Amino acid sequence: TNMDKSITKVSKSHTTKFKDHFRKIESDVVVYKNDKLIFKETINNEFLMNHVGTSEDLKNYIGNDIYINEEATLNTNKLVLIASLYKPKNNNCISYNIIIDEHGVCTMNKINYART
């Protein structure tokens, strides 16, 4: 968690004013295969913007979670991470699969959740 960067969301009820501070999650990801370093990056908004391209405006989002998708990792024999981002101003969330292959090549795709 980056303690120097945050986004503040202010909301009000009838009698109370709320201030929520959202800290940016930045994760150092280091991947070895057969004792050889194949991937070393800090996963943050800048990393995501560089890999997603200009189709997504991530400047107002904060990283709020990153974790290993164990099932996809086992099924594909690649490291599959899920990065979730949150936009406090409108409570919008988006998630991406970050896929790291056996050579350390990283690809990403947006997770489209179906609403039921």
PDB file of N, CA and C in Angstrom:
ATOM      1  N   THR A   1       0.842  -1.176   0.000  1.00  0.00           N
ATOM      2  CA  THR A   1       0.000   0.000   0.000  1.00  0.00           C
ATOM      3  C   THR A   1       0.881   1.231   0.000  1.00  0.00           C
ATOM      4  N   ASN A   2       0.570   2.141  -0.889  1.00  0.00           N
ATOM      5  CA  ASN A   2       1.312   3.389  -0.956  1.00  0.00           C
ATOM      6  C   ASN A   2       0.663   4.386  -0.004  1.00  0.00           C
ATOM      7  N   MET A   3       1.355   4.720   1.074  1.00  0.00           N
ATOM      8  CA  MET A   3       0.799   5.612   2.087  1.00  0.00           C
ATOM      9  C   MET A   3       0.871   7.078   1.678  1.00  0.00           C
ATOM     10  N   ASP A   4       1.565   7.390   0.579  1.00  0.00           N
ATOM     11  CA  ASP A   4       1.674   8.769   0.127  1.00  0.00           C
ATOM     12  C   ASP A   4       0.622   9.142  -0.906  1.00  0.00           C
ATOM     13  N   LYS A   5       0.001   8.159  -1.537  1.00  0.00           N
ATOM     14  CA  LYS A   5      -0.989   8.432  -2.586  1.00  0.00           C
ATOM     15  C   LYS A   5      -2.338   7.888  -2.158  1.00  0.00           C
ATOM     16  N   SER A   6      -3.338   8.743  -2.236  1.00  0.00           N
ATOM     17  CA  SER A   6      -4.689   8.299  -1.896  1.00  0.00           C
ATOM     18  C   SER A   6      -5.699   9.162  -2.628  1.00  0.00           C
ATOM     19  N   ILE A   7      -6.916   8.695  -2.651  1.00  0.00           N
ATOM     20  CA  ILE A   7      -8.043   9.447  -3.189  1.00  0.00           C
ATOM     21  C   ILE A   7      -9.061   9.547  -2.068  1.00  0.00           C
ATOM     22  N   THR A   8      -9.587  10.748  -1.884  1.00  0.00           N
ATOM     23  CA  THR A   8     -10.575  10.965  -0.833  1.00  0.00           C
ATOM     24  C   THR A   8     -11.952  11.113  -1.463  1.00  0.00           C
ATOM     25  N   LYS A   9     -12.912  10.402  -0.904  1.00  0.00           N
ATOM     26  CA  LYS A   9     -14.310  10.504  -1.343  1.00  0.00           C
ATOM     27  C   LYS A   9     -15.111  11.075  -0.179  1.00  0.00           C
ATOM     28  N   VAL A  10     -15.840  12.137  -0.449  1.00  0.00           N
ATOM     29  CA  VAL A  10     -16.662  12.768   0.569  1.00  0.00           C
ATOM     30  C   VAL A  10     -18.124  12.480   0.240  1.00  0.00           C
ATOM     31  N   SER A  11     -18.850  12.000   1.228  1.00  0.00           N
ATOM     32  CA  SER A  11     -20.285  11.769   1.058  1.00  0.00           C
ATOM     33  C   SER A  11     -21.012  12.301   2.280  1.00  0.00           C
ATOM     34  N   LYS A  12     -22.293  12.553   2.116  1.00  0.00           N
ATOM     35  CA  LYS A  12     -23.064  13.139   3.207  1.00  0.00           C
ATOM     36  C   LYS A  12     -24.355  12.360   3.410  1.00  0.00           C
ATOM     37  N   SER A  13     -24.752  12.287   4.664  1.00  0.00           N
ATOM     38  CA  SER A  13     -26.097  11.827   4.995  1.00  0.00           C
ATOM     39  C   SER A  13     -26.828  13.057   5.530  1.00  0.00           C
ATOM     40  N   HIS A  14     -27.960  12.888   6.126  1.00  0.00           N
ATOM     41  CA  HIS A  14     -28.721  14.037   6.620  1.00  0.00           C
ATOM     42  C   HIS A  14     -27.959  14.838   7.661  1.00  0.00           C
ATOM     43  N   THR A  15     -27.242  14.151   8.514  1.00  0.00           N
ATOM     44  CA  THR A  15     -26.587  14.842   9.630  1.00  0.00           C
ATOM     45  C   THR A  15     -25.085  14.643   9.692  1.00  0.00           C
ATOM     46  N   THR A  16     -24.549  13.781   8.834  1.00  0.00           N
ATOM     47  CA  THR A  16     -23.135  13.423   8.955  1.00  0.00           C
ATOM     48  C   THR A  16     -22.430  13.577   7.616  1.00  0.00           C
ATOM     49  N   LYS A  17     -21.199  14.052   7.685  1.00  0.00           N
ATOM     50  CA  LYS A  17     -20.334  14.132   6.519  1.00  0.00           C
ATOM     51  C   LYS A  17     -19.271  13.046   6.665  1.00  0.00           C
ATOM     52  N   PHE A  18     -19.118  12.211   5.647  1.00  0.00           N
ATOM     53  CA  PHE A  18     -18.158  11.111   5.681  1.00  0.00           C
ATOM     54  C   PHE A  18     -17.001  11.414   4.736  1.00  0.00           C
ATOM     55  N   LYS A  19     -15.796  11.085   5.181  1.00  0.00           N
ATOM     56  CA  LYS A  19     -14.611  11.161   4.336  1.00  0.00           C
ATOM     57  C   LYS A  19     -13.965   9.785   4.329  1.00  0.00           C
ATOM     58  N   ASP A  20     -13.921   9.188   3.160  1.00  0.00           N
ATOM     59  CA  ASP A  20     -13.260   7.900   2.989  1.00  0.00           C
ATOM     60  C   ASP A  20     -11.963   8.125   2.233  1.00  0.00           C
ATOM     61  N   HIS A  21     -10.871   7.583   2.777  1.00  0.00           N
ATOM     62  CA  HIS A  21      -9.573   7.690   2.130  1.00  0.00           C
ATOM     63  C   HIS A  21      -9.220   6.318   1.558  1.00  0.00           C
ATOM     64  N   PHE A  22      -8.966   6.288   0.264  1.00  0.00           N
ATOM     65  CA  PHE A  22      -8.626   5.051  -0.413  1.00  0.00           C
ATOM     66  C   PHE A  22      -7.153   5.099  -0.786  1.00  0.00           C
ATOM     67  N   ARG A  23      -6.384   4.172  -0.233  1.00  0.00           N
ATOM     68  CA  ARG A  23      -4.948   4.083  -0.507  1.00  0.00           C
ATOM     69  C   ARG A  23      -4.720   3.274  -1.775  1.00  0.00           C
ATOM     70  N   LYS A  24      -3.684   3.644  -2.501  1.00  0.00           N
ATOM     71  CA  LYS A  24      -3.349   2.932  -3.724  1.00  0.00           C
ATOM     72  C   LYS A  24      -2.542   1.685  -3.406  1.00  0.00           C
ATOM     73  N   ILE A  25      -2.975   0.571  -3.965  1.00  0.00           N
ATOM     74  CA  ILE A  25      -2.251  -0.687  -3.821  1.00  0.00           C
ATOM     75  C   ILE A  25      -1.215  -0.772  -4.939  1.00  0.00           C
ATOM     76  N   GLU A  26       0.011  -0.997  -4.567  1.00  0.00           N
ATOM     77  CA  GLU A  26       1.099  -1.232  -5.515  1.00  0.00           C
ATOM     78  C   GLU A  26       1.785  -2.515  -5.095  1.00  0.00           C
ATOM     79  N   SER A  27       1.882  -3.462  -6.008  1.00  0.00           N
ATOM     80  CA  SER A  27       2.436  -4.776  -5.674  1.00  0.00           C
ATOM     81  C   SER A  27       3.684  -5.052  -6.492  1.00  0.00           C
ATOM     82  N   ASP A  28       4.749  -5.436  -5.804  1.00  0.00           N
ATOM     83  CA  ASP A  28       5.954  -5.888  -6.485  1.00  0.00           C
ATOM     84  C   ASP A  28       5.789  -7.361  -6.805  1.00  0.00           C
ATOM     85  N   VAL A  29       5.810  -7.684  -8.090  1.00  0.00           N
ATOM     86  CA  VAL A  29       5.639  -9.064  -8.528  1.00  0.00           C
ATOM     87  C   VAL A  29       6.975  -9.547  -9.083  1.00  0.00           C
ATOM     88  N   VAL A  30       7.489 -10.612  -8.480  1.00  0.00           N
ATOM     89  CA  VAL A  30       8.756 -11.210  -8.901  1.00  0.00           C
ATOM     90  C   VAL A  30       8.483 -12.676  -9.200  1.00  0.00           C
ATOM     91  N   VAL A  31       8.826 -13.105 -10.429  1.00  0.00           N
ATOM     92  CA  VAL A  31       8.538 -14.481 -10.848  1.00  0.00           C
ATOM     93  C   VAL A  31       9.843 -15.151 -11.278  1.00  0.00           C
ATOM     94  N   TYR A  32      10.078 -16.316 -10.707  1.00  0.00           N
ATOM     95  CA  TYR A  32      11.226 -17.150 -11.083  1.00  0.00           C
ATOM     96  C   TYR A  32      10.726 -18.437 -11.708  1.00  0.00           C
ATOM     97  N   LYS A  33      11.484 -18.931 -12.673  1.00  0.00           N
ATOM     98  CA  LYS A  33      11.236 -20.265 -13.217  1.00  0.00           C
ATOM     99  C   LYS A  33      12.574 -20.972 -13.293  1.00  0.00           C
ATOM    100  N   ASN A  34      12.643 -22.135 -12.647  1.00  0.00           N
ATOM    101  CA  ASN A  34      13.898 -22.898 -12.600  1.00  0.00           C
ATOM    102  C   ASN A  34      15.057 -22.030 -12.105  1.00  0.00           C
ATOM    103  N   ASP A  35      14.814 -21.299 -11.028  1.00  0.00           N
ATOM    104  CA  ASP A  35      15.809 -20.428 -10.391  1.00  0.00           C
ATOM    105  C   ASP A  35      16.274 -19.276 -11.272  1.00  0.00           C
ATOM    106  N   LYS A  36      15.538 -18.971 -12.342  1.00  0.00           N
ATOM    107  CA  LYS A  36      15.889 -17.864 -13.230  1.00  0.00           C
ATOM    108  C   LYS A  36      14.780 -16.812 -13.152  1.00  0.00           C
ATOM    109  N   LEU A  37      15.192 -15.558 -12.928  1.00  0.00           N
ATOM    110  CA  LEU A  37      14.245 -14.457 -12.888  1.00  0.00           C
ATOM    111  C   LEU A  37      13.671 -14.228 -14.288  1.00  0.00           C
ATOM    112  N   ILE A  38      12.330 -14.324 -14.412  1.00  0.00           N
ATOM    113  CA  ILE A  38      11.717 -14.103 -15.727  1.00  0.00           C
ATOM    114  C   ILE A  38      10.805 -12.877 -15.753  1.00  0.00           C
ATOM    115  N   PHE A  39      10.424 -12.355 -14.582  1.00  0.00           N
ATOM    116  CA  PHE A  39       9.520 -11.205 -14.539  1.00  0.00           C
ATOM    117  C   PHE A  39       9.718 -10.469 -13.221  1.00  0.00           C
ATOM    118  N   LYS A  40       9.877  -9.156 -13.318  1.00  0.00           N
ATOM    119  CA  LYS A  40       9.984  -8.331 -12.111  1.00  0.00           C
ATOM    120  C   LYS A  40       9.420  -6.958 -12.436  1.00  0.00           C
ATOM    121  N   GLU A  41       8.247  -6.663 -11.868  1.00  0.00           N
ATOM    122  CA  GLU A  41       7.576  -5.387 -12.123  1.00  0.00           C
ATOM    123  C   GLU A  41       6.796  -4.968 -10.890  1.00  0.00           C
ATOM    124  N   THR A  42       6.557  -3.674 -10.779  1.00  0.00           N
ATOM    125  CA  THR A  42       5.632  -3.157  -9.793  1.00  0.00           C
ATOM    126  C   THR A  42       4.297  -2.974 -10.498  1.00  0.00           C
ATOM    127  N   ILE A  43       3.275  -3.667 -10.017  1.00  0.00           N
ATOM    128  CA  ILE A  43       1.941  -3.561 -10.609  1.00  0.00           C
ATOM    129  C   ILE A  43       1.248  -2.377  -9.937  1.00  0.00           C
ATOM    130  N   ASN A  44       1.030  -1.334 -10.720  1.00  0.00           N
ATOM    131  CA  ASN A  44       0.345  -0.137 -10.252  1.00  0.00           C
ATOM    132  C   ASN A  44      -0.420   0.453 -11.442  1.00  0.00           C
ATOM    133  N   ASN A  45      -1.006   1.623 -11.254  1.00  0.00           N
ATOM    134  CA  ASN A  45      -1.790   2.225 -12.338  1.00  0.00           C
ATOM    135  C   ASN A  45      -0.954   2.475 -13.587  1.00  0.00           C
ATOM    136  N   GLU A  46       0.273   2.927 -13.415  1.00  0.00           N
ATOM    137  CA  GLU A  46       1.123   3.207 -14.563  1.00  0.00           C
ATOM    138  C   GLU A  46       1.400   1.934 -15.360  1.00  0.00           C
ATOM    139  N   PHE A  47       1.710   0.848 -14.658  1.00  0.00           N
ATOM    140  CA  PHE A  47       1.940  -0.434 -15.318  1.00  0.00           C
ATOM    141  C   PHE A  47       0.692  -0.845 -16.104  1.00  0.00           C
ATOM    142  N   LEU A  48      -0.473  -0.745 -15.465  1.00  0.00           N
ATOM    143  CA  LEU A  48      -1.712  -1.149 -16.121  1.00  0.00           C
ATOM    144  C   LEU A  48      -2.015  -0.279 -17.336  1.00  0.00           C
ATOM    145  N   MET A  49      -1.834   1.028 -17.212  1.00  0.00           N
ATOM    146  CA  MET A  49      -2.090   1.922 -18.351  1.00  0.00           C
ATOM    147  C   MET A  49      -1.155   1.609 -19.516  1.00  0.00           C
ATOM    148  N   ASN A  50       0.098   1.270 -19.221  1.00  0.00           N
ATOM    149  CA  ASN A  50       1.050   0.944 -20.284  1.00  0.00           C
ATOM    150  C   ASN A  50       0.690  -0.343 -21.004  1.00  0.00           C
ATOM    151  N   HIS A  51       0.066  -1.286 -20.296  1.00  0.00           N
ATOM    152  CA  HIS A  51      -0.253  -2.572 -20.908  1.00  0.00           C
ATOM    153  C   HIS A  51      -1.666  -2.650 -21.459  1.00  0.00           C
ATOM    154  N   VAL A  52      -2.566  -1.833 -20.945  1.00  0.00           N
ATOM    155  CA  VAL A  52      -3.953  -1.845 -21.433  1.00  0.00           C
ATOM    156  C   VAL A  52      -4.073  -0.997 -22.681  1.00  0.00           C
ATOM    157  N   GLY A  53      -3.317   0.070 -22.769  1.00  0.00           N
ATOM    158  CA  GLY A  53      -3.426   0.991 -23.896  1.00  0.00           C
ATOM    159  C   GLY A  53      -4.325   2.160 -23.543  1.00  0.00           C
ATOM    160  N   THR A  54      -4.694   2.893 -24.535  1.00  0.00           N
ATOM    161  CA  THR A  54      -5.445   4.126 -24.298  1.00  0.00           C
ATOM    162  C   THR A  54      -6.949   3.909 -24.261  1.00  0.00           C
ATOM    163  N   SER A  55      -7.412   2.684 -24.431  1.00  0.00           N
ATOM    164  CA  SER A  55      -8.857   2.444 -24.434  1.00  0.00           C
ATOM    165  C   SER A  55      -9.479   2.635 -23.054  1.00  0.00           C
ATOM    166  N   GLU A  56      -8.689   2.549 -22.010  1.00  0.00           N
ATOM    167  CA  GLU A  56      -9.191   2.731 -20.646  1.00  0.00           C
ATOM    168  C   GLU A  56      -8.519   3.940 -20.011  1.00  0.00           C
ATOM    169  N   ASP A  57      -9.308   4.793 -19.391  1.00  0.00           N
ATOM    170  CA  ASP A  57      -8.771   5.930 -18.659  1.00  0.00           C
ATOM    171  C   ASP A  57      -8.694   5.529 -17.194  1.00  0.00           C
ATOM    172  N   LEU A  58      -7.509   5.157 -16.732  1.00  0.00           N
ATOM    173  CA  LEU A  58      -7.337   4.629 -15.385  1.00  0.00           C
ATOM    174  C   LEU A  58      -6.807   5.664 -14.404  1.00  0.00           C
ATOM    175  N   LYS A  59      -6.690   6.922 -14.817  1.00  0.00           N
ATOM    176  CA  LYS A  59      -6.105   7.940 -13.948  1.00  0.00           C
ATOM    177  C   LYS A  59      -6.903   8.145 -12.656  1.00  0.00           C
ATOM    178  N   ASN A  60      -8.214   8.019 -12.721  1.00  0.00           N
ATOM    179  CA  ASN A  60      -9.050   8.250 -11.541  1.00  0.00           C
ATOM    180  C   ASN A  60      -9.368   6.975 -10.773  1.00  0.00           C
ATOM    181  N   TYR A  61      -8.762   5.875 -11.172  1.00  0.00           N
ATOM    182  CA  TYR A  61      -8.945   4.606 -10.474  1.00  0.00           C
ATOM    183  C   TYR A  61      -7.776   4.392  -9.525  1.00  0.00           C
ATOM    184  N   ILE A  62      -8.016   3.594  -8.501  1.00  0.00           N
ATOM    185  CA  ILE A  62      -6.933   3.175  -7.628  1.00  0.00           C
ATOM    186  C   ILE A  62      -6.915   1.650  -7.605  1.00  0.00           C
ATOM    187  N   GLY A  63      -5.728   1.102  -7.532  1.00  0.00           N
ATOM    188  CA  GLY A  63      -5.619  -0.345  -7.379  1.00  0.00           C
ATOM    189  C   GLY A  63      -6.057  -0.717  -5.979  1.00  0.00           C
ATOM    190  N   ASN A  64      -7.016  -1.633  -5.880  1.00  0.00           N
ATOM    191  CA  ASN A  64      -7.471  -1.995  -4.537  1.00  0.00           C
ATOM    192  C   ASN A  64      -7.284  -3.469  -4.224  1.00  0.00           C
ATOM    193  N   ASP A  65      -6.796  -4.262  -5.177  1.00  0.00           N
ATOM    194  CA  ASP A  65      -6.579  -5.673  -4.905  1.00  0.00           C
ATOM    195  C   ASP A  65      -5.776  -6.291  -6.039  1.00  0.00           C
ATOM    196  N   ILE A  66      -4.881  -7.181  -5.693  1.00  0.00           N
ATOM    197  CA  ILE A  66      -4.199  -8.015  -6.688  1.00  0.00           C
ATOM    198  C   ILE A  66      -3.946  -9.360  -6.028  1.00  0.00           C
ATOM    199  N   TYR A  67      -4.272 -10.415  -6.758  1.00  0.00           N
ATOM    200  CA  TYR A  67      -4.107 -11.749  -6.199  1.00  0.00           C
ATOM    201  C   TYR A  67      -3.925 -12.771  -7.315  1.00  0.00           C
ATOM    202  N   ILE A  68      -3.475 -13.955  -6.929  1.00  0.00           N
ATOM    203  CA  ILE A  68      -3.251 -15.042  -7.883  1.00  0.00           C
ATOM    204  C   ILE A  68      -4.554 -15.779  -8.125  1.00  0.00           C
ATOM    205  N   ASN A  69      -4.902 -15.952  -9.391  1.00  0.00           N
ATOM    206  CA  ASN A  69      -6.026 -16.796  -9.766  1.00  0.00           C
ATOM    207  C   ASN A  69      -5.473 -18.222  -9.845  1.00  0.00           C
ATOM    208  N   GLU A  70      -5.609 -18.945  -8.753  1.00  0.00           N
ATOM    209  CA  GLU A  70      -4.970 -20.262  -8.645  1.00  0.00           C
ATOM    210  C   GLU A  70      -5.515 -21.259  -9.668  1.00  0.00           C
ATOM    211  N   GLU A  71      -6.810 -21.269  -9.871  1.00  0.00           N
ATOM    212  CA  GLU A  71      -7.397 -22.228 -10.814  1.00  0.00           C
ATOM    213  C   GLU A  71      -6.898 -21.971 -12.229  1.00  0.00           C
ATOM    214  N   ALA A  72      -6.927 -20.725 -12.675  1.00  0.00           N
ATOM    215  CA  ALA A  72      -6.451 -20.409 -14.024  1.00  0.00           C
ATOM    216  C   ALA A  72      -4.954 -20.671 -14.158  1.00  0.00           C
ATOM    217  N   THR A  73      -4.198 -20.407 -13.109  1.00  0.00           N
ATOM    218  CA  THR A  73      -2.758 -20.663 -13.134  1.00  0.00           C
ATOM    219  C   THR A  73      -2.481 -22.153 -13.315  1.00  0.00           C
ATOM    220  N   LEU A  74      -3.189 -22.994 -12.578  1.00  0.00           N
ATOM    221  CA  LEU A  74      -2.996 -24.440 -12.699  1.00  0.00           C
ATOM    222  C   LEU A  74      -3.468 -24.964 -14.052  1.00  0.00           C
ATOM    223  N   ASN A  75      -4.577 -24.427 -14.569  1.00  0.00           N
ATOM    224  CA  ASN A  75      -5.136 -24.909 -15.839  1.00  0.00           C
ATOM    225  C   ASN A  75      -4.316 -24.493 -17.050  1.00  0.00           C
ATOM    226  N   THR A  76      -3.640 -23.349 -16.983  1.00  0.00           N
ATOM    227  CA  THR A  76      -2.917 -22.831 -18.147  1.00  0.00           C
ATOM    228  C   THR A  76      -1.406 -22.992 -18.048  1.00  0.00           C
ATOM    229  N   ASN A  77      -0.906 -23.358 -16.869  1.00  0.00           N
ATOM    230  CA  ASN A  77       0.532 -23.441 -16.622  1.00  0.00           C
ATOM    231  C   ASN A  77       1.226 -22.098 -16.853  1.00  0.00           C
ATOM    232  N   LYS A  78       0.480 -21.016 -16.580  1.00  0.00           N
ATOM    233  CA  LYS A  78       1.001 -19.656 -16.618  1.00  0.00           C
ATOM    234  C   LYS A  78       0.552 -18.989 -15.330  1.00  0.00           C
ATOM    235  N   LEU A  79       1.299 -17.988 -14.894  1.00  0.00           N
ATOM    236  CA  LEU A  79       0.883 -17.245 -13.718  1.00  0.00           C
ATOM    237  C   LEU A  79      -0.229 -16.289 -14.128  1.00  0.00           C
ATOM    238  N   VAL A  80      -1.384 -16.420 -13.504  1.00  0.00           N
ATOM    239  CA  VAL A  80      -2.520 -15.552 -13.805  1.00  0.00           C
ATOM    240  C   VAL A  80      -2.868 -14.768 -12.542  1.00  0.00           C
ATOM    241  N   LEU A  81      -2.719 -13.466 -12.641  1.00  0.00           N
ATOM    242  CA  LEU A  81      -3.059 -12.557 -11.543  1.00  0.00           C
ATOM    243  C   LEU A  81      -4.348 -11.828 -11.902  1.00  0.00           C
ATOM    244  N   ILE A  82      -5.088 -11.440 -10.893  1.00  0.00           N
ATOM    245  CA  ILE A  82      -6.252 -10.579 -11.104  1.00  0.00           C
ATOM    246  C   ILE A  82      -5.974  -9.273 -10.385  1.00  0.00           C
ATOM    247  N   ALA A  83      -6.055  -8.189 -11.132  1.00  0.00           N
ATOM    248  CA  ALA A  83      -5.882  -6.848 -10.568  1.00  0.00           C
ATOM    249  C   ALA A  83      -7.231  -6.142 -10.626  1.00  0.00           C
ATOM    250  N   SER A  84      -7.684  -5.670  -9.477  1.00  0.00           N
ATOM    251  CA  SER A  84      -8.953  -4.948  -9.398  1.00  0.00           C
ATOM    252  C   SER A  84      -8.672  -3.484  -9.111  1.00  0.00           C
ATOM    253  N   LEU A  85      -9.414  -2.637  -9.787  1.00  0.00           N
ATOM    254  CA  LEU A  85      -9.285  -1.202  -9.595  1.00  0.00           C
ATOM    255  C   LEU A  85     -10.640  -0.625  -9.225  1.00  0.00           C
ATOM    256  N   TYR A  86     -10.609   0.444  -8.455  1.00  0.00           N
ATOM    257  CA  TYR A  86     -11.822   1.047  -7.927  1.00  0.00           C
ATOM    258  C   TYR A  86     -11.796   2.538  -8.213  1.00  0.00           C
ATOM    259  N   LYS A  87     -12.949   3.069  -8.640  1.00  0.00           N
ATOM    260  CA  LYS A  87     -13.083   4.505  -8.889  1.00  0.00           C
ATOM    261  C   LYS A  87     -13.999   5.080  -7.817  1.00  0.00           C
ATOM    262  N   PRO A  88     -13.432   5.668  -6.777  1.00  0.00           N
ATOM    263  CA  PRO A  88     -14.236   6.131  -5.638  1.00  0.00           C
ATOM    264  C   PRO A  88     -15.310   7.156  -5.993  1.00  0.00           C
ATOM    265  N   LYS A  89     -15.090   7.946  -7.004  1.00  0.00           N
ATOM    266  CA  LYS A  89     -16.041   9.010  -7.318  1.00  0.00           C
ATOM    267  C   LYS A  89     -17.408   8.462  -7.727  1.00  0.00           C
ATOM    268  N   ASN A  90     -17.439   7.276  -8.346  1.00  0.00           N
ATOM    269  CA  ASN A  90     -18.732   6.731  -8.767  1.00  0.00           C
ATOM    270  C   ASN A  90     -18.920   5.258  -8.406  1.00  0.00           C
ATOM    271  N   ASN A  91     -18.072   4.744  -7.522  1.00  0.00           N
ATOM    272  CA  ASN A  91     -18.154   3.352  -7.054  1.00  0.00           C
ATOM    273  C   ASN A  91     -18.028   2.327  -8.180  1.00  0.00           C
ATOM    274  N   ASN A  92     -17.306   2.661  -9.221  1.00  0.00           N
ATOM    275  CA  ASN A  92     -17.120   1.760 -10.347  1.00  0.00           C
ATOM    276  C   ASN A  92     -15.885   0.894 -10.116  1.00  0.00           C
ATOM    277  N   CYS A  93     -15.975  -0.399 -10.417  1.00  0.00           N
ATOM    278  CA  CYS A  93     -14.842  -1.322 -10.305  1.00  0.00           C
ATOM    279  C   CYS A  93     -14.586  -1.983 -11.654  1.00  0.00           C
ATOM    280  N   ILE A  94     -13.318  -2.173 -11.972  1.00  0.00           N
ATOM    281  CA  ILE A  94     -12.929  -2.943 -13.147  1.00  0.00           C
ATOM    282  C   ILE A  94     -11.810  -3.887 -12.732  1.00  0.00           C
ATOM    283  N   SER A  95     -11.708  -5.004 -13.448  1.00  0.00           N
ATOM    284  CA  SER A  95     -10.676  -5.996 -13.137  1.00  0.00           C
ATOM    285  C   SER A  95     -10.002  -6.460 -14.416  1.00  0.00           C
ATOM    286  N   TYR A  96      -8.742  -6.855 -14.263  1.00  0.00           N
ATOM    287  CA  TYR A  96      -7.955  -7.349 -15.391  1.00  0.00           C
ATOM    288  C   TYR A  96      -7.262  -8.649 -15.013  1.00  0.00           C
ATOM    289  N   ASN A  97      -7.167  -9.550 -15.987  1.00  0.00           N
ATOM    290  CA  ASN A  97      -6.284 -10.704 -15.875  1.00  0.00           C
ATOM    291  C   ASN A  97      -4.905 -10.248 -16.330  1.00  0.00           C
ATOM    292  N   ILE A  98      -3.898 -10.527 -15.540  1.00  0.00           N
ATOM    293  CA  ILE A  98      -2.504 -10.294 -15.925  1.00  0.00           C
ATOM    294  C   ILE A  98      -1.891 -11.681 -16.066  1.00  0.00           C
ATOM    295  N   ILE A  99      -1.506 -12.043 -17.282  1.00  0.00           N
ATOM    296  CA  ILE A  99      -1.027 -13.395 -17.572  1.00  0.00           C
ATOM    297  C   ILE A  99       0.460 -13.323 -17.897  1.00  0.00           C
ATOM    298  N   ILE A 100       1.249 -14.063 -17.137  1.00  0.00           N
ATOM    299  CA  ILE A 100       2.698 -14.094 -17.322  1.00  0.00           C
ATOM    300  C   ILE A 100       3.074 -15.502 -17.758  1.00  0.00           C
ATOM    301  N   ASP A 101       3.627 -15.607 -18.963  1.00  0.00           N
ATOM    302  CA  ASP A 101       3.950 -16.942 -19.485  1.00  0.00           C
ATOM    303  C   ASP A 101       5.326 -17.409 -19.003  1.00  0.00           C
ATOM    304  N   GLU A 102       5.744 -18.573 -19.480  1.00  0.00           N
ATOM    305  CA  GLU A 102       6.979 -19.196 -19.012  1.00  0.00           C
ATOM    306  C   GLU A 102       8.237 -18.426 -19.408  1.00  0.00           C
ATOM    307  N   HIS A 103       8.089 -17.433 -20.322  1.00  0.00           N
ATOM    308  CA  HIS A 103       9.227 -16.614 -20.727  1.00  0.00           C
ATOM    309  C   HIS A 103       9.199 -15.237 -20.068  1.00  0.00           C
ATOM    310  N   GLY A 104       8.192 -14.998 -19.231  1.00  0.00           N
ATOM    311  CA  GLY A 104       8.070 -13.709 -18.565  1.00  0.00           C
ATOM    312  C   GLY A 104       7.324 -12.669 -19.377  1.00  0.00           C
ATOM    313  N   VAL A 105       6.709 -13.088 -20.475  1.00  0.00           N
ATOM    314  CA  VAL A 105       5.939 -12.162 -21.305  1.00  0.00           C
ATOM    315  C   VAL A 105       4.578 -11.944 -20.655  1.00  0.00           C
ATOM    316  N   CYS A 106       4.216 -10.688 -20.527  1.00  0.00           N
ATOM    317  CA  CYS A 106       2.985 -10.315 -19.833  1.00  0.00           C
ATOM    318  C   CYS A 106       1.921  -9.887 -20.844  1.00  0.00           C
ATOM    319  N   THR A 107       0.732 -10.447 -20.721  1.00  0.00           N
ATOM    320  CA  THR A 107      -0.417 -10.003 -21.501  1.00  0.00           C
ATOM    321  C   THR A 107      -1.551  -9.708 -20.524  1.00  0.00           C
ATOM    322  N   MET A 108      -2.462  -8.863 -20.965  1.00  0.00           N
ATOM    323  CA  MET A 108      -3.569  -8.486 -20.092  1.00  0.00           C
ATOM    324  C   MET A 108      -4.875  -8.476 -20.866  1.00  0.00           C
ATOM    325  N   ASN A 109      -5.943  -8.782 -20.156  1.00  0.00           N
ATOM    326  CA  ASN A 109      -7.274  -8.609 -20.734  1.00  0.00           C
ATOM    327  C   ASN A 109      -8.262  -8.238 -19.643  1.00  0.00           C
ATOM    328  N   LYS A 110      -9.232  -7.442 -20.029  1.00  0.00           N
ATOM    329  CA  LYS A 110     -10.241  -6.966 -19.092  1.00  0.00           C
ATOM    330  C   LYS A 110     -11.219  -8.097 -18.799  1.00  0.00           C
ATOM    331  N   ILE A 111     -11.615  -8.215 -17.558  1.00  0.00           N
ATOM    332  CA  ILE A 111     -12.606  -9.218 -17.158  1.00  0.00           C
ATOM    333  C   ILE A 111     -13.979  -8.564 -17.290  1.00  0.00           C
ATOM    334  N   ASN A 112     -14.809  -9.149 -18.110  1.00  0.00           N
ATOM    335  CA  ASN A 112     -16.164  -8.642 -18.285  1.00  0.00           C
ATOM    336  C   ASN A 112     -17.096  -9.496 -17.457  1.00  0.00           C
ATOM    337  N   TYR A 113     -17.583  -8.908 -16.399  1.00  0.00           N
ATOM    338  CA  TYR A 113     -18.484  -9.625 -15.510  1.00  0.00           C
ATOM    339  C   TYR A 113     -19.903  -9.514 -16.040  1.00  0.00           C
ATOM    340  N   ALA A 114     -20.604 -10.637 -16.049  1.00  0.00           N
ATOM    341  CA  ALA A 114     -22.005 -10.625 -16.467  1.00  0.00           C
ATOM    342  C   ALA A 114     -22.875 -10.365 -15.249  1.00  0.00           C
ATOM    343  N   ARG A 115     -23.809  -9.474 -15.388  1.00  0.00           N
ATOM    344  CA  ARG A 115     -24.735  -9.193 -14.287  1.00  0.00           C
ATOM    345  C   ARG A 115     -25.914 -10.124 -14.396  1.00  0.00           C
ATOM    346  N   THR A 116     -26.312 -10.672 -13.270  1.00  0.00           N
ATOM    347  CA  THR A 116     -27.460 -11.580 -13.273  1.00  0.00           C
ATOM    348  C   THR A 116     -28.535 -11.066 -12.347  1.00  0.00           C
TER     349      THR A 116
END
